Amino acid sequence: MTNLKSTTTLASSPAPILPPKSKTKRKLKVIVIGPNGGGVRKTKTALVIGSVATAAGLVVIYVCADRGIGSLSASLKEGGPNRVELLPDEETGNYADTLIALADDADADVIIIDLGANEMLNSKSRRTVRAALRQMSALGHDTFAVLSLIPGKVGLEDDATNFARQISKEADVILALHSRDEGGDLSKFDELMGDYATITVSTDQLGILGMITAAGVTPFDWCAAPVKGFELAAAWTAHNLMQLAQQSAMIELARGDLAVPVLSSLAQDRPVSFYTGRNNKWQVTNECLTADAREIVTQRALMSLAPAADDASVVIAARAFIAAASEARAAHKAARLAV
């Protein structure tokens, strides 16, 4: 298992310089992640939004309303670089005071509240959060509700519609769309997309997600200080975050415009844009990604030559492809044995 210490000490290059924080009076951004159902990537949505905000130079506090497996508090390990608080068990009507005190103590700019799964919108935790949103908005702070949406989840359309309708009284609603880059069908959310702003979240492969989760950090933390031998995987993750940061709703939500230069510097050495099926740790080592990139480039060269080239050119390209494929398989085998 990757330990937390390794992710903060084995950076391949110095950590990026973040933009200076504003000295003006603090105006908080309070972001609630919903809706109700489990398994809709709420925690991932919270972590990527927090990653962009951190890259923008903002200080983030995470609040977890779910103590179960896969929750935000389980993903970000205690004692790590990110501050994680638990939503109180008892209903309270003045939780806004607690949030403001937490922000003052940590000099924070953004508070992200990851709601628990399988609770009704009017449960005690929801009532606590909704009251806090009303109070924070009245005090002039920015309040958002981000709904994490995935294809194929039974009942999610109704759940999200109900959640958006009710919480829009306290917060601006933004939809976080997952799996679009994998061809996921999100058409059942077309009506919601017509009503609210959206952000599209790239799919990070399971091999990388497992390493980030084991480290107990956010994707940005992992990109800024990747484990030795996985710098290319970290660069690809930074590239995905940069694509997220450039979206207009993300600029409003977490100052993504300030994050882009930092994420761009981390993404400079990313592999070619072909990156699917990486489900094991050994598949995301530098050796494997480099070998795969070489094979892909050669294969594309072969395909471009084949329609119009003479026989000799095709033979040369074919031999190059065979050599690259052989090299890729050898690198895969060596990396798998080494990890």
C-alpha atoms as a PDB file:
ATOM      1  CA  MET A   1       0.000   0.000   0.000  1.00  0.00           C
ATOM      2  CA  THR A   2       1.274   3.476  -0.811  1.00  0.00           C
ATOM      3  CA  ASN A   3       1.916   5.377   2.372  1.00  0.00           C
ATOM      4  CA  LEU A   4       1.186   9.048   2.919  1.00  0.00           C
ATOM      5  CA  LYS A   5       4.810   9.960   3.525  1.00  0.00           C
ATOM      6  CA  SER A   6       5.892   8.725   0.114  1.00  0.00           C
ATOM      7  CA  THR A   7       3.406  10.940  -1.680  1.00  0.00           C
ATOM      8  CA  THR A   8       4.705  14.061  -0.021  1.00  0.00           C
ATOM      9  CA  THR A   9       8.443  13.432  -0.290  1.00  0.00           C
ATOM     10  CA  LEU A  10       9.119  11.721  -3.604  1.00  0.00           C
ATOM     11  CA  ALA A  11       8.193  14.495  -6.040  1.00  0.00           C
ATOM     12  CA  SER A  12      10.055  14.347  -9.327  1.00  0.00           C
ATOM     13  CA  SER A  13      10.158  18.158  -9.475  1.00  0.00           C
ATOM     14  CA  PRO A  14       9.589  21.042  -7.039  1.00  0.00           C
ATOM     15  CA  ALA A  15       5.978  21.621  -6.058  1.00  0.00           C
ATOM     16  CA  PRO A  16       4.278  24.251  -8.220  1.00  0.00           C
ATOM     17  CA  ILE A  17       4.101  27.837  -7.004  1.00  0.00           C
ATOM     18  CA  LEU A  18       0.488  28.649  -6.191  1.00  0.00           C
ATOM     19  CA  PRO A  19      -1.026  32.088  -6.836  1.00  0.00           C
ATOM     20  CA  PRO A  20      -0.882  34.469  -3.838  1.00  0.00           C
ATOM     21  CA  LYS A  21      -4.009  34.611  -1.723  1.00  0.00           C
ATOM     22  CA  SER A  22      -6.128  37.751  -1.761  1.00  0.00           C
ATOM     23  CA  LYS A  23      -5.817  40.048   1.245  1.00  0.00           C
ATOM     24  CA  THR A  24      -9.399  41.320   0.966  1.00  0.00           C
ATOM     25  CA  LYS A  25     -12.138  40.388   3.407  1.00  0.00           C
ATOM     26  CA  ARG A  26     -12.866  36.663   3.177  1.00  0.00           C
ATOM     27  CA  LYS A  27     -15.871  35.655   1.132  1.00  0.00           C
ATOM     28  CA  LEU A  28     -16.410  31.931   1.453  1.00  0.00           C
ATOM     29  CA  LYS A  29     -17.556  29.475  -1.155  1.00  0.00           C
ATOM     30  CA  VAL A  30     -19.679  26.762   0.445  1.00  0.00           C
ATOM     31  CA  ILE A  31     -20.213  23.778  -1.863  1.00  0.00           C
ATOM     32  CA  VAL A  32     -22.587  20.917  -1.030  1.00  0.00           C
ATOM     33  CA  ILE A  33     -22.172  17.678  -3.009  1.00  0.00           C
ATOM     34  CA  GLY A  34     -25.333  15.642  -3.644  1.00  0.00           C
ATOM     35  CA  PRO A  35     -27.785  14.103  -4.399  1.00  0.00           C
ATOM     36  CA  ASN A  36     -29.041  11.363  -2.078  1.00  0.00           C
ATOM     37  CA  GLY A  37     -28.055   8.056  -3.681  1.00  0.00           C
ATOM     38  CA  GLY A  38     -24.886   6.122  -3.048  1.00  0.00           C
ATOM     39  CA  GLY A  39     -22.401   5.133  -5.735  1.00  0.00           C
ATOM     40  CA  VAL A  40     -22.787   8.270  -7.878  1.00  0.00           C
ATOM     41  CA  ARG A  41     -19.184   9.496  -7.386  1.00  0.00           C
ATOM     42  CA  LYS A  42     -20.010  12.247  -4.892  1.00  0.00           C
ATOM     43  CA  THR A  43     -16.679  11.784  -3.110  1.00  0.00           C
ATOM     44  CA  LYS A  44     -14.733  11.937  -6.361  1.00  0.00           C
ATOM     45  CA  THR A  45     -16.668  15.077  -7.317  1.00  0.00           C
ATOM     46  CA  ALA A  46     -15.755  16.658  -3.981  1.00  0.00           C
ATOM     47  CA  LEU A  47     -12.080  15.742  -4.378  1.00  0.00           C
ATOM     48  CA  VAL A  48     -11.669  17.035  -7.935  1.00  0.00           C
ATOM     49  CA  ILE A  49     -13.399  20.323  -7.113  1.00  0.00           C
ATOM     50  CA  GLY A  50     -11.177  20.657  -4.053  1.00  0.00           C
ATOM     51  CA  SER A  51      -8.163  19.833  -6.208  1.00  0.00           C
ATOM     52  CA  VAL A  52      -8.915  22.644  -8.644  1.00  0.00           C
ATOM     53  CA  ALA A  53      -9.518  25.081  -5.786  1.00  0.00           C
ATOM     54  CA  THR A  54      -6.202  24.122  -4.177  1.00  0.00           C
ATOM     55  CA  ALA A  55      -4.377  24.519  -7.488  1.00  0.00           C
ATOM     56  CA  ALA A  56      -5.929  27.989  -7.678  1.00  0.00           C
ATOM     57  CA  GLY A  57      -4.277  28.884  -4.380  1.00  0.00           C
ATOM     58  CA  LEU A  58      -7.421  28.576  -2.262  1.00  0.00           C
ATOM     59  CA  VAL A  59      -7.514  26.813   1.108  1.00  0.00           C
ATOM     60  CA  VAL A  60     -10.142  24.078   1.303  1.00  0.00           C
ATOM     61  CA  ILE A  61     -11.893  22.478   4.263  1.00  0.00           C
ATOM     62  CA  TYR A  62     -13.760  19.220   3.642  1.00  0.00           C
ATOM     63  CA  VAL A  63     -16.835  18.289   5.693  1.00  0.00           C
ATOM     64  CA  CYS A  64     -18.048  14.696   5.603  1.00  0.00           C
ATOM     65  CA  ALA A  65     -21.648  13.780   6.389  1.00  0.00           C
ATOM     66  CA  ASP A  66     -21.091  10.062   5.772  1.00  0.00           C
ATOM     67  CA  ARG A  67     -18.802   7.939   7.937  1.00  0.00           C
ATOM     68  CA  GLY A  68     -19.164   4.842   5.763  1.00  0.00           C
ATOM     69  CA  ILE A  69     -16.751   3.072   3.437  1.00  0.00           C
ATOM     70  CA  GLY A  70     -15.965   5.184   0.386  1.00  0.00           C
ATOM     71  CA  SER A  71     -16.838   8.416   2.139  1.00  0.00           C
ATOM     72  CA  LEU A  72     -14.792  11.598   2.055  1.00  0.00           C
ATOM     73  CA  SER A  73     -13.484  11.064   5.584  1.00  0.00           C
ATOM     74  CA  ALA A  74     -12.377   7.543   4.601  1.00  0.00           C
ATOM     75  CA  SER A  75     -10.630   8.798   1.454  1.00  0.00           C
ATOM     76  CA  LEU A  76      -8.673  11.631   3.079  1.00  0.00           C
ATOM     77  CA  LYS A  77      -6.640  10.035   5.837  1.00  0.00           C
ATOM     78  CA  GLU A  78      -6.483  11.577   9.298  1.00  0.00           C
ATOM     79  CA  GLY A  79      -3.294  13.543   9.781  1.00  0.00           C
ATOM     80  CA  GLY A  80      -2.838  14.119   6.054  1.00  0.00           C
ATOM     81  CA  PRO A  81      -2.358  17.451   4.308  1.00  0.00           C
ATOM     82  CA  ASN A  82      -6.106  18.155   3.983  1.00  0.00           C
ATOM     83  CA  ARG A  83      -8.401  19.247   6.776  1.00  0.00           C
ATOM     84  CA  VAL A  84     -11.471  17.022   7.126  1.00  0.00           C
ATOM     85  CA  GLU A  85     -14.308  17.630   9.576  1.00  0.00           C
ATOM     86  CA  LEU A  86     -17.371  15.523  10.343  1.00  0.00           C
ATOM     87  CA  LEU A  87     -20.865  16.935  10.143  1.00  0.00           C
ATOM     88  CA  PRO A  88     -22.393  16.866  13.656  1.00  0.00           C
ATOM     89  CA  ASP A  89     -24.699  13.960  14.430  1.00  0.00           C
ATOM     90  CA  GLU A  90     -27.266  16.164  16.110  1.00  0.00           C
ATOM     91  CA  GLU A  91     -29.387  18.587  14.136  1.00  0.00           C
ATOM     92  CA  THR A  92     -28.375  22.204  14.648  1.00  0.00           C
ATOM     93  CA  GLY A  93     -29.827  25.423  13.310  1.00  0.00           C
ATOM     94  CA  ASN A  94     -26.648  27.476  13.639  1.00  0.00           C
ATOM     95  CA  TYR A  95     -24.105  25.326  11.778  1.00  0.00           C
ATOM     96  CA  ALA A  96     -23.163  28.376   9.713  1.00  0.00           C
ATOM     97  CA  ASP A  97     -21.419  29.765  12.803  1.00  0.00           C
ATOM     98  CA  THR A  98     -19.355  26.568  13.004  1.00  0.00           C
ATOM     99  CA  LEU A  99     -18.396  26.779   9.326  1.00  0.00           C
ATOM    100  CA  ILE A 100     -17.307  30.395   9.650  1.00  0.00           C
ATOM    101  CA  ALA A 101     -15.256  29.563  12.747  1.00  0.00           C
ATOM    102  CA  LEU A 102     -13.596  26.642  10.933  1.00  0.00           C
ATOM    103  CA  ALA A 103     -12.764  28.892   7.983  1.00  0.00           C
ATOM    104  CA  ASP A 104     -11.329  31.586  10.255  1.00  0.00           C
ATOM    105  CA  ASP A 105      -9.199  29.043  12.086  1.00  0.00           C
ATOM    106  CA  ALA A 106      -7.795  27.515   8.885  1.00  0.00           C
ATOM    107  CA  ASP A 107      -7.712  30.761   6.863  1.00  0.00           C
ATOM    108  CA  ALA A 108      -9.898  28.859   4.397  1.00  0.00           C
ATOM    109  CA  ASP A 109     -11.678  30.097   1.286  1.00  0.00           C
ATOM    110  CA  VAL A 110     -13.730  27.038   0.299  1.00  0.00           C
ATOM    111  CA  ILE A 111     -15.811  24.585   2.333  1.00  0.00           C
ATOM    112  CA  ILE A 112     -16.918  21.395   0.575  1.00  0.00           C
ATOM    113  CA  ILE A 113     -19.649  19.343   2.260  1.00  0.00           C
ATOM    114  CA  ASP A 114     -19.979  15.769   0.983  1.00  0.00           C
ATOM    115  CA  LEU A 115     -23.469  14.558   1.883  1.00  0.00           C
ATOM    116  CA  GLY A 116     -24.132  11.040   3.024  1.00  0.00           C
ATOM    117  CA  ALA A 117     -25.861   8.490   0.811  1.00  0.00           C
ATOM    118  CA  ASN A 118     -29.382   7.109   1.114  1.00  0.00           C
ATOM    119  CA  GLU A 119     -30.853   9.813   3.302  1.00  0.00           C
ATOM    120  CA  MET A 120     -33.958  11.843   2.505  1.00  0.00           C
ATOM    121  CA  LEU A 121     -33.439  15.517   1.748  1.00  0.00           C
ATOM    122  CA  ASN A 122     -35.296  16.460   4.912  1.00  0.00           C
ATOM    123  CA  SER A 123     -33.275  14.264   7.291  1.00  0.00           C
ATOM    124  CA  LYS A 124     -31.562  15.964  10.210  1.00  0.00           C
ATOM    125  CA  SER A 125     -28.236  16.295   8.396  1.00  0.00           C
ATOM    126  CA  ARG A 126     -29.952  17.841   5.378  1.00  0.00           C
ATOM    127  CA  ARG A 127     -31.879  20.257   7.584  1.00  0.00           C
ATOM    128  CA  THR A 128     -28.629  21.255   9.277  1.00  0.00           C
ATOM    129  CA  VAL A 129     -26.934  21.850   5.939  1.00  0.00           C
ATOM    130  CA  ARG A 130     -29.853  23.694   4.357  1.00  0.00           C
ATOM    131  CA  ALA A 131     -30.169  26.026   7.339  1.00  0.00           C
ATOM    132  CA  ALA A 132     -26.436  26.706   7.143  1.00  0.00           C
ATOM    133  CA  LEU A 133     -26.681  27.477   3.426  1.00  0.00           C
ATOM    134  CA  ARG A 134     -29.498  29.960   4.032  1.00  0.00           C
ATOM    135  CA  GLN A 135     -27.501  31.710   6.743  1.00  0.00           C
ATOM    136  CA  MET A 136     -24.268  31.741   4.717  1.00  0.00           C
ATOM    137  CA  SER A 137     -26.068  33.184   1.706  1.00  0.00           C
ATOM    138  CA  ALA A 138     -27.680  35.865   3.859  1.00  0.00           C
ATOM    139  CA  LEU A 139     -24.223  36.816   5.106  1.00  0.00           C
ATOM    140  CA  GLY A 140     -23.010  37.350   1.537  1.00  0.00           C
ATOM    141  CA  HIS A 141     -21.094  34.107   1.019  1.00  0.00           C
ATOM    142  CA  ASP A 142     -21.403  32.094  -2.203  1.00  0.00           C
ATOM    143  CA  THR A 143     -23.391  28.872  -1.876  1.00  0.00           C
ATOM    144  CA  PHE A 144     -23.482  26.036  -4.416  1.00  0.00           C
ATOM    145  CA  ALA A 145     -25.009  22.569  -4.681  1.00  0.00           C
ATOM    146  CA  VAL A 146     -23.176  20.255  -7.084  1.00  0.00           C
ATOM    147  CA  LEU A 147     -25.106  17.158  -8.187  1.00  0.00           C
ATOM    148  CA  SER A 148     -22.916  14.217  -9.176  1.00  0.00           C
ATOM    149  CA  LEU A 149     -24.539  12.336 -12.076  1.00  0.00           C
ATOM    150  CA  ILE A 150     -23.546   9.057 -13.724  1.00  0.00           C
ATOM    151  CA  PRO A 151     -25.215   6.939 -16.447  1.00  0.00           C
ATOM    152  CA  GLY A 152     -27.181   3.809 -15.656  1.00  0.00           C
ATOM    153  CA  LYS A 153     -28.043   4.507 -12.011  1.00  0.00           C
ATOM    154  CA  VAL A 154     -31.648   3.478 -11.392  1.00  0.00           C
ATOM    155  CA  GLY A 155     -33.718   6.259  -9.826  1.00  0.00           C
ATOM    156  CA  LEU A 156     -30.971   8.891 -10.064  1.00  0.00           C
ATOM    157  CA  GLU A 157     -32.933  11.126 -12.448  1.00  0.00           C
ATOM    158  CA  ASP A 158     -35.849  11.532 -10.020  1.00  0.00           C
ATOM    159  CA  ASP A 159     -33.516  11.798  -7.039  1.00  0.00           C
ATOM    160  CA  ALA A 160     -31.432  14.527  -8.692  1.00  0.00           C
ATOM    161  CA  THR A 161     -34.480  16.458  -9.932  1.00  0.00           C
ATOM    162  CA  ASN A 162     -36.068  16.463  -6.491  1.00  0.00           C
ATOM    163  CA  PHE A 163     -32.802  17.399  -4.815  1.00  0.00           C
ATOM    164  CA  ALA A 164     -32.131  20.256  -7.251  1.00  0.00           C
ATOM    165  CA  ARG A 165     -35.645  21.650  -6.939  1.00  0.00           C
ATOM    166  CA  GLN A 166     -35.485  21.820  -3.164  1.00  0.00           C
ATOM    167  CA  ILE A 167     -31.906  22.917  -2.578  1.00  0.00           C
ATOM    168  CA  SER A 168     -31.993  25.590  -5.320  1.00  0.00           C
ATOM    169  CA  LYS A 169     -33.752  27.782  -2.755  1.00  0.00           C
ATOM    170  CA  GLU A 170     -30.491  27.939  -0.795  1.00  0.00           C
ATOM    171  CA  ALA A 171     -27.754  27.462  -3.396  1.00  0.00           C
ATOM    172  CA  ASP A 172     -26.875  27.731  -7.079  1.00  0.00           C
ATOM    173  CA  VAL A 173     -27.113  24.265  -8.631  1.00  0.00           C
ATOM    174  CA  ILE A 174     -24.379  22.863 -10.890  1.00  0.00           C
ATOM    175  CA  LEU A 175     -24.398  19.379 -12.445  1.00  0.00           C
ATOM    176  CA  ALA A 176     -21.191  17.292 -12.441  1.00  0.00           C
ATOM    177  CA  LEU A 177     -21.378  14.855 -15.362  1.00  0.00           C
ATOM    178  CA  HIS A 178     -19.292  11.678 -15.221  1.00  0.00           C
ATOM    179  CA  SER A 179     -18.422   9.082 -17.920  1.00  0.00           C
ATOM    180  CA  ARG A 180     -19.063  11.319 -20.927  1.00  0.00           C
ATOM    181  CA  ASP A 181     -15.511  10.672 -22.135  1.00  0.00           C
ATOM    182  CA  GLU A 182     -16.260   6.939 -22.108  1.00  0.00           C
ATOM    183  CA  GLY A 183     -19.434   7.326 -24.159  1.00  0.00           C
ATOM    184  CA  GLY A 184     -21.767   7.161 -21.170  1.00  0.00           C
ATOM    185  CA  ASP A 185     -25.405   7.953 -21.972  1.00  0.00           C
ATOM    186  CA  LEU A 186     -26.538  10.915 -19.882  1.00  0.00           C
ATOM    187  CA  SER A 187     -29.499  11.814 -22.075  1.00  0.00           C
ATOM    188  CA  LYS A 188     -32.003  11.158 -19.286  1.00  0.00           C
ATOM    189  CA  PHE A 189     -30.603  14.271 -17.570  1.00  0.00           C
ATOM    190  CA  ASP A 190     -31.221  16.514 -20.608  1.00  0.00           C
ATOM    191  CA  GLU A 191     -34.026  18.395 -18.871  1.00  0.00           C
ATOM    192  CA  LEU A 192     -31.847  19.060 -15.831  1.00  0.00           C
ATOM    193  CA  MET A 193     -28.999  20.152 -18.100  1.00  0.00           C
ATOM    194  CA  GLY A 194     -31.347  22.640 -19.696  1.00  0.00           C
ATOM    195  CA  ASP A 195     -32.050  24.195 -16.307  1.00  0.00           C
ATOM    196  CA  TYR A 196     -28.608  24.261 -14.669  1.00  0.00           C
ATOM    197  CA  ALA A 197     -24.947  24.850 -15.474  1.00  0.00           C
ATOM    198  CA  THR A 198     -22.728  21.777 -15.921  1.00  0.00           C
ATOM    199  CA  ILE A 199     -19.164  20.606 -15.491  1.00  0.00           C
ATOM    200  CA  THR A 200     -17.780  17.486 -17.169  1.00  0.00           C
ATOM    201  CA  VAL A 201     -15.437  15.345 -15.065  1.00  0.00           C
ATOM    202  CA  SER A 202     -12.901  13.144 -16.882  1.00  0.00           C
ATOM    203  CA  THR A 203     -12.724   9.470 -15.974  1.00  0.00           C
ATOM    204  CA  ASP A 204      -9.548   8.557 -14.090  1.00  0.00           C
ATOM    205  CA  GLN A 205      -8.604   4.909 -14.473  1.00  0.00           C
ATOM    206  CA  LEU A 206      -8.908   2.521 -11.543  1.00  0.00           C
ATOM    207  CA  GLY A 207      -5.162   1.938 -11.307  1.00  0.00           C
ATOM    208  CA  ILE A 208      -4.591   5.632 -10.568  1.00  0.00           C
ATOM    209  CA  LEU A 209      -7.647   6.059  -8.351  1.00  0.00           C
ATOM    210  CA  GLY A 210      -6.486   3.163  -6.209  1.00  0.00           C
ATOM    211  CA  MET A 211      -3.099   4.769  -5.642  1.00  0.00           C
ATOM    212  CA  ILE A 212      -4.603   8.169  -4.789  1.00  0.00           C
ATOM    213  CA  THR A 213      -7.079   6.602  -2.368  1.00  0.00           C
ATOM    214  CA  ALA A 214      -4.400   4.485  -0.708  1.00  0.00           C
ATOM    215  CA  ALA A 215      -2.298   7.619  -0.241  1.00  0.00           C
ATOM    216  CA  GLY A 216      -5.196   9.431   1.439  1.00  0.00           C
ATOM    217  CA  VAL A 217      -4.764  12.632  -0.560  1.00  0.00           C
ATOM    218  CA  THR A 218      -6.592  14.606  -3.241  1.00  0.00           C
ATOM    219  CA  PRO A 219      -5.766  14.137  -6.935  1.00  0.00           C
ATOM    220  CA  PHE A 220      -3.963  17.501  -6.909  1.00  0.00           C
ATOM    221  CA  ASP A 221      -1.782  16.476  -3.954  1.00  0.00           C
ATOM    222  CA  TRP A 222      -0.825  13.322  -5.830  1.00  0.00           C
ATOM    223  CA  CYS A 223      -0.056  15.253  -9.028  1.00  0.00           C
ATOM    224  CA  ALA A 224       2.138  17.748  -7.171  1.00  0.00           C
ATOM    225  CA  ALA A 225       4.118  14.987  -5.446  1.00  0.00           C
ATOM    226  CA  PRO A 226       3.793  11.734  -7.409  1.00  0.00           C
ATOM    227  CA  VAL A 227       5.266   8.477  -6.239  1.00  0.00           C
ATOM    228  CA  LYS A 228       8.557   7.758  -8.006  1.00  0.00           C
ATOM    229  CA  GLY A 229       7.942   5.795 -11.182  1.00  0.00           C
ATOM    230  CA  PHE A 230       4.388   7.105 -11.666  1.00  0.00           C
ATOM    231  CA  GLU A 231       5.096  10.658 -12.840  1.00  0.00           C
ATOM    232  CA  LEU A 232       3.411  10.135 -16.216  1.00  0.00           C
ATOM    233  CA  ALA A 233       0.222   8.901 -14.565  1.00  0.00           C
ATOM    234  CA  ALA A 234       0.275  11.966 -12.321  1.00  0.00           C
ATOM    235  CA  ALA A 235       0.788  14.188 -15.377  1.00  0.00           C
ATOM    236  CA  TRP A 236      -2.253  12.647 -17.025  1.00  0.00           C
ATOM    237  CA  THR A 237      -4.353  13.246 -13.909  1.00  0.00           C
ATOM    238  CA  ALA A 238      -3.175  16.871 -13.862  1.00  0.00           C
ATOM    239  CA  HIS A 239      -4.225  17.155 -17.493  1.00  0.00           C
ATOM    240  CA  ASN A 240      -7.715  15.902 -16.599  1.00  0.00           C
ATOM    241  CA  LEU A 241      -7.924  18.447 -13.760  1.00  0.00           C
ATOM    242  CA  MET A 242      -6.784  21.196 -16.128  1.00  0.00           C
ATOM    243  CA  GLN A 243      -9.590  20.324 -18.551  1.00  0.00           C
ATOM    244  CA  LEU A 244     -12.035  20.569 -15.644  1.00  0.00           C
ATOM    245  CA  ALA A 245     -10.587  23.881 -14.435  1.00  0.00           C
ATOM    246  CA  GLN A 246     -11.089  25.531 -17.832  1.00  0.00           C
ATOM    247  CA  GLN A 247     -14.875  25.045 -17.811  1.00  0.00           C
ATOM    248  CA  SER A 248     -16.896  28.192 -17.145  1.00  0.00           C
ATOM    249  CA  ALA A 249     -18.905  26.774 -14.234  1.00  0.00           C
ATOM    250  CA  MET A 250     -15.652  25.617 -12.623  1.00  0.00           C
ATOM    251  CA  ILE A 251     -14.218  29.110 -12.868  1.00  0.00           C
ATOM    252  CA  GLU A 252     -17.188  30.379 -10.873  1.00  0.00           C
ATOM    253  CA  LEU A 253     -17.157  27.430  -8.492  1.00  0.00           C
ATOM    254  CA  ALA A 254     -13.442  27.247  -7.596  1.00  0.00           C
ATOM    255  CA  ARG A 255     -11.521  29.903  -9.551  1.00  0.00           C
ATOM    256  CA  GLY A 256     -10.449  27.392 -12.145  1.00  0.00           C
ATOM    257  CA  ASP A 257      -8.877  30.185 -14.197  1.00  0.00           C
ATOM    258  CA  LEU A 258      -6.207  30.607 -11.515  1.00  0.00           C
ATOM    259  CA  ALA A 259      -5.644  26.836 -11.390  1.00  0.00           C
ATOM    260  CA  VAL A 260      -4.953  26.367 -15.106  1.00  0.00           C
ATOM    261  CA  PRO A 261      -1.299  27.588 -15.150  1.00  0.00           C
ATOM    262  CA  VAL A 262      -0.389  25.411 -12.157  1.00  0.00           C
ATOM    263  CA  LEU A 263      -2.094  22.313 -13.566  1.00  0.00           C
ATOM    264  CA  SER A 264      -0.621  22.975 -17.008  1.00  0.00           C
ATOM    265  CA  SER A 265       2.894  22.910 -15.548  1.00  0.00           C
ATOM    266  CA  LEU A 266       2.157  19.540 -13.944  1.00  0.00           C
ATOM    267  CA  ALA A 267       0.645  18.103 -17.134  1.00  0.00           C
ATOM    268  CA  GLN A 268       3.482  18.960 -19.546  1.00  0.00           C
ATOM    269  CA  ASP A 269       4.839  15.418 -19.801  1.00  0.00           C
ATOM    270  CA  ARG A 270       1.535  13.599 -20.131  1.00  0.00           C
ATOM    271  CA  PRO A 271       1.427  10.642 -22.568  1.00  0.00           C
ATOM    272  CA  VAL A 272      -0.333  10.795 -25.929  1.00  0.00           C
ATOM    273  CA  SER A 273      -4.089  11.167 -25.719  1.00  0.00           C
ATOM    274  CA  PHE A 274      -4.978   7.498 -25.621  1.00  0.00           C
ATOM    275  CA  TYR A 275      -5.587   6.277 -22.126  1.00  0.00           C
ATOM    276  CA  THR A 276      -8.127   3.573 -21.365  1.00  0.00           C
ATOM    277  CA  GLY A 277      -8.289   0.266 -19.572  1.00  0.00           C
ATOM    278  CA  ARG A 278      -5.603   0.989 -16.966  1.00  0.00           C
ATOM    279  CA  ASN A 279      -7.084  -0.969 -14.080  1.00  0.00           C
ATOM    280  CA  ASN A 280      -3.982  -2.252 -12.309  1.00  0.00           C
ATOM    281  CA  LYS A 281      -1.152  -0.409 -10.610  1.00  0.00           C
ATOM    282  CA  TRP A 282       1.534  -1.888 -12.868  1.00  0.00           C
ATOM    283  CA  GLN A 283      -0.305  -0.599 -15.933  1.00  0.00           C
ATOM    284  CA  VAL A 284       0.244   3.041 -14.930  1.00  0.00           C
ATOM    285  CA  THR A 285       3.998   2.915 -14.360  1.00  0.00           C
ATOM    286  CA  ASN A 286       6.194   5.203 -16.450  1.00  0.00           C
ATOM    287  CA  GLU A 287       7.604   2.210 -18.338  1.00  0.00           C
ATOM    288  CA  CYS A 288       4.184   0.930 -19.389  1.00  0.00           C
ATOM    289  CA  LEU A 289       2.795   4.302 -20.393  1.00  0.00           C
ATOM    290  CA  THR A 290       5.925   5.152 -22.380  1.00  0.00           C
ATOM    291  CA  ALA A 291       5.865   1.813 -24.195  1.00  0.00           C
ATOM    292  CA  ASP A 292       2.152   2.143 -24.908  1.00  0.00           C
ATOM    293  CA  ALA A 293       2.580   5.679 -26.215  1.00  0.00           C
ATOM    294  CA  ARG A 294       5.352   4.525 -28.559  1.00  0.00           C
ATOM    295  CA  GLU A 295       3.204   1.668 -29.832  1.00  0.00           C
ATOM    296  CA  ILE A 296       0.217   3.950 -30.388  1.00  0.00           C
ATOM    297  CA  VAL A 297       2.277   6.510 -32.313  1.00  0.00           C
ATOM    298  CA  THR A 298       3.743   3.809 -34.528  1.00  0.00           C
ATOM    299  CA  GLN A 299       0.344   2.240 -35.137  1.00  0.00           C
ATOM    300  CA  ARG A 300      -1.081   5.597 -36.192  1.00  0.00           C
ATOM    301  CA  ALA A 301       1.838   6.103 -38.546  1.00  0.00           C
ATOM    302  CA  LEU A 302       1.151   2.710 -40.091  1.00  0.00           C
ATOM    303  CA  MET A 303      -2.530   3.474 -40.548  1.00  0.00           C
ATOM    304  CA  SER A 304      -1.812   6.829 -42.216  1.00  0.00           C
ATOM    305  CA  LEU A 305       0.657   5.215 -44.634  1.00  0.00           C
ATOM    306  CA  ALA A 306      -1.383   2.175 -45.558  1.00  0.00           C
ATOM    307  CA  PRO A 307      -4.035   3.692 -47.880  1.00  0.00           C
ATOM    308  CA  ALA A 308      -1.703   5.541 -50.270  1.00  0.00           C
ATOM    309  CA  ALA A 309       1.868   4.358 -49.653  1.00  0.00           C
ATOM    310  CA  ASP A 310       3.833   1.952 -51.822  1.00  0.00           C
ATOM    311  CA  ASP A 311       4.586  -1.525 -50.546  1.00  0.00           C
ATOM    312  CA  ALA A 312       8.048  -0.680 -49.210  1.00  0.00           C
ATOM    313  CA  SER A 313       6.755   2.132 -46.967  1.00  0.00           C
ATOM    314  CA  VAL A 314       4.032  -0.087 -45.544  1.00  0.00           C
ATOM    315  CA  VAL A 315       6.550  -2.833 -44.810  1.00  0.00           C
ATOM    316  CA  ILE A 316       8.837  -0.389 -42.985  1.00  0.00           C
ATOM    317  CA  ALA A 317       5.947   0.963 -40.900  1.00  0.00           C
ATOM    318  CA  ALA A 318       4.714  -2.546 -40.176  1.00  0.00           C
ATOM    319  CA  ARG A 319       8.137  -3.624 -38.948  1.00  0.00           C
ATOM    320  CA  ALA A 320       8.334  -0.540 -36.708  1.00  0.00           C
ATOM    321  CA  PHE A 321       4.924  -1.355 -35.279  1.00  0.00           C
ATOM    322  CA  ILE A 322       5.893  -4.961 -34.571  1.00  0.00           C
ATOM    323  CA  ALA A 323       9.070  -3.800 -32.827  1.00  0.00           C
ATOM    324  CA  ALA A 324       7.192  -1.254 -30.727  1.00  0.00           C
ATOM    325  CA  ALA A 325       4.532  -3.796 -29.764  1.00  0.00           C
ATOM    326  CA  SER A 326       7.208  -6.259 -28.695  1.00  0.00           C
ATOM    327  CA  GLU A 327       8.918  -3.567 -26.627  1.00  0.00           C
ATOM    328  CA  ALA A 328       5.620  -2.591 -25.022  1.00  0.00           C
ATOM    329  CA  ARG A 329       4.857  -6.180 -24.020  1.00  0.00           C
ATOM    330  CA  ALA A 330       8.330  -6.548 -22.486  1.00  0.00           C
ATOM    331  CA  ALA A 331       7.928  -3.316 -20.527  1.00  0.00           C
ATOM    332  CA  HIS A 332       4.496  -4.402 -19.297  1.00  0.00           C
ATOM    333  CA  LYS A 333       5.871  -7.701 -18.071  1.00  0.00           C
ATOM    334  CA  ALA A 334       8.832  -6.065 -16.320  1.00  0.00           C
ATOM    335  CA  ALA A 335       6.636  -3.439 -14.668  1.00  0.00           C
ATOM    336  CA  ARG A 336       4.123  -6.020 -13.489  1.00  0.00           C
ATOM    337  CA  LEU A 337       6.870  -8.072 -11.880  1.00  0.00           C
ATOM    338  CA  ALA A 338       8.430  -4.987 -10.280  1.00  0.00           C
ATOM    339  CA  VAL A 339       5.265  -3.612  -8.622  1.00  0.00           C
END
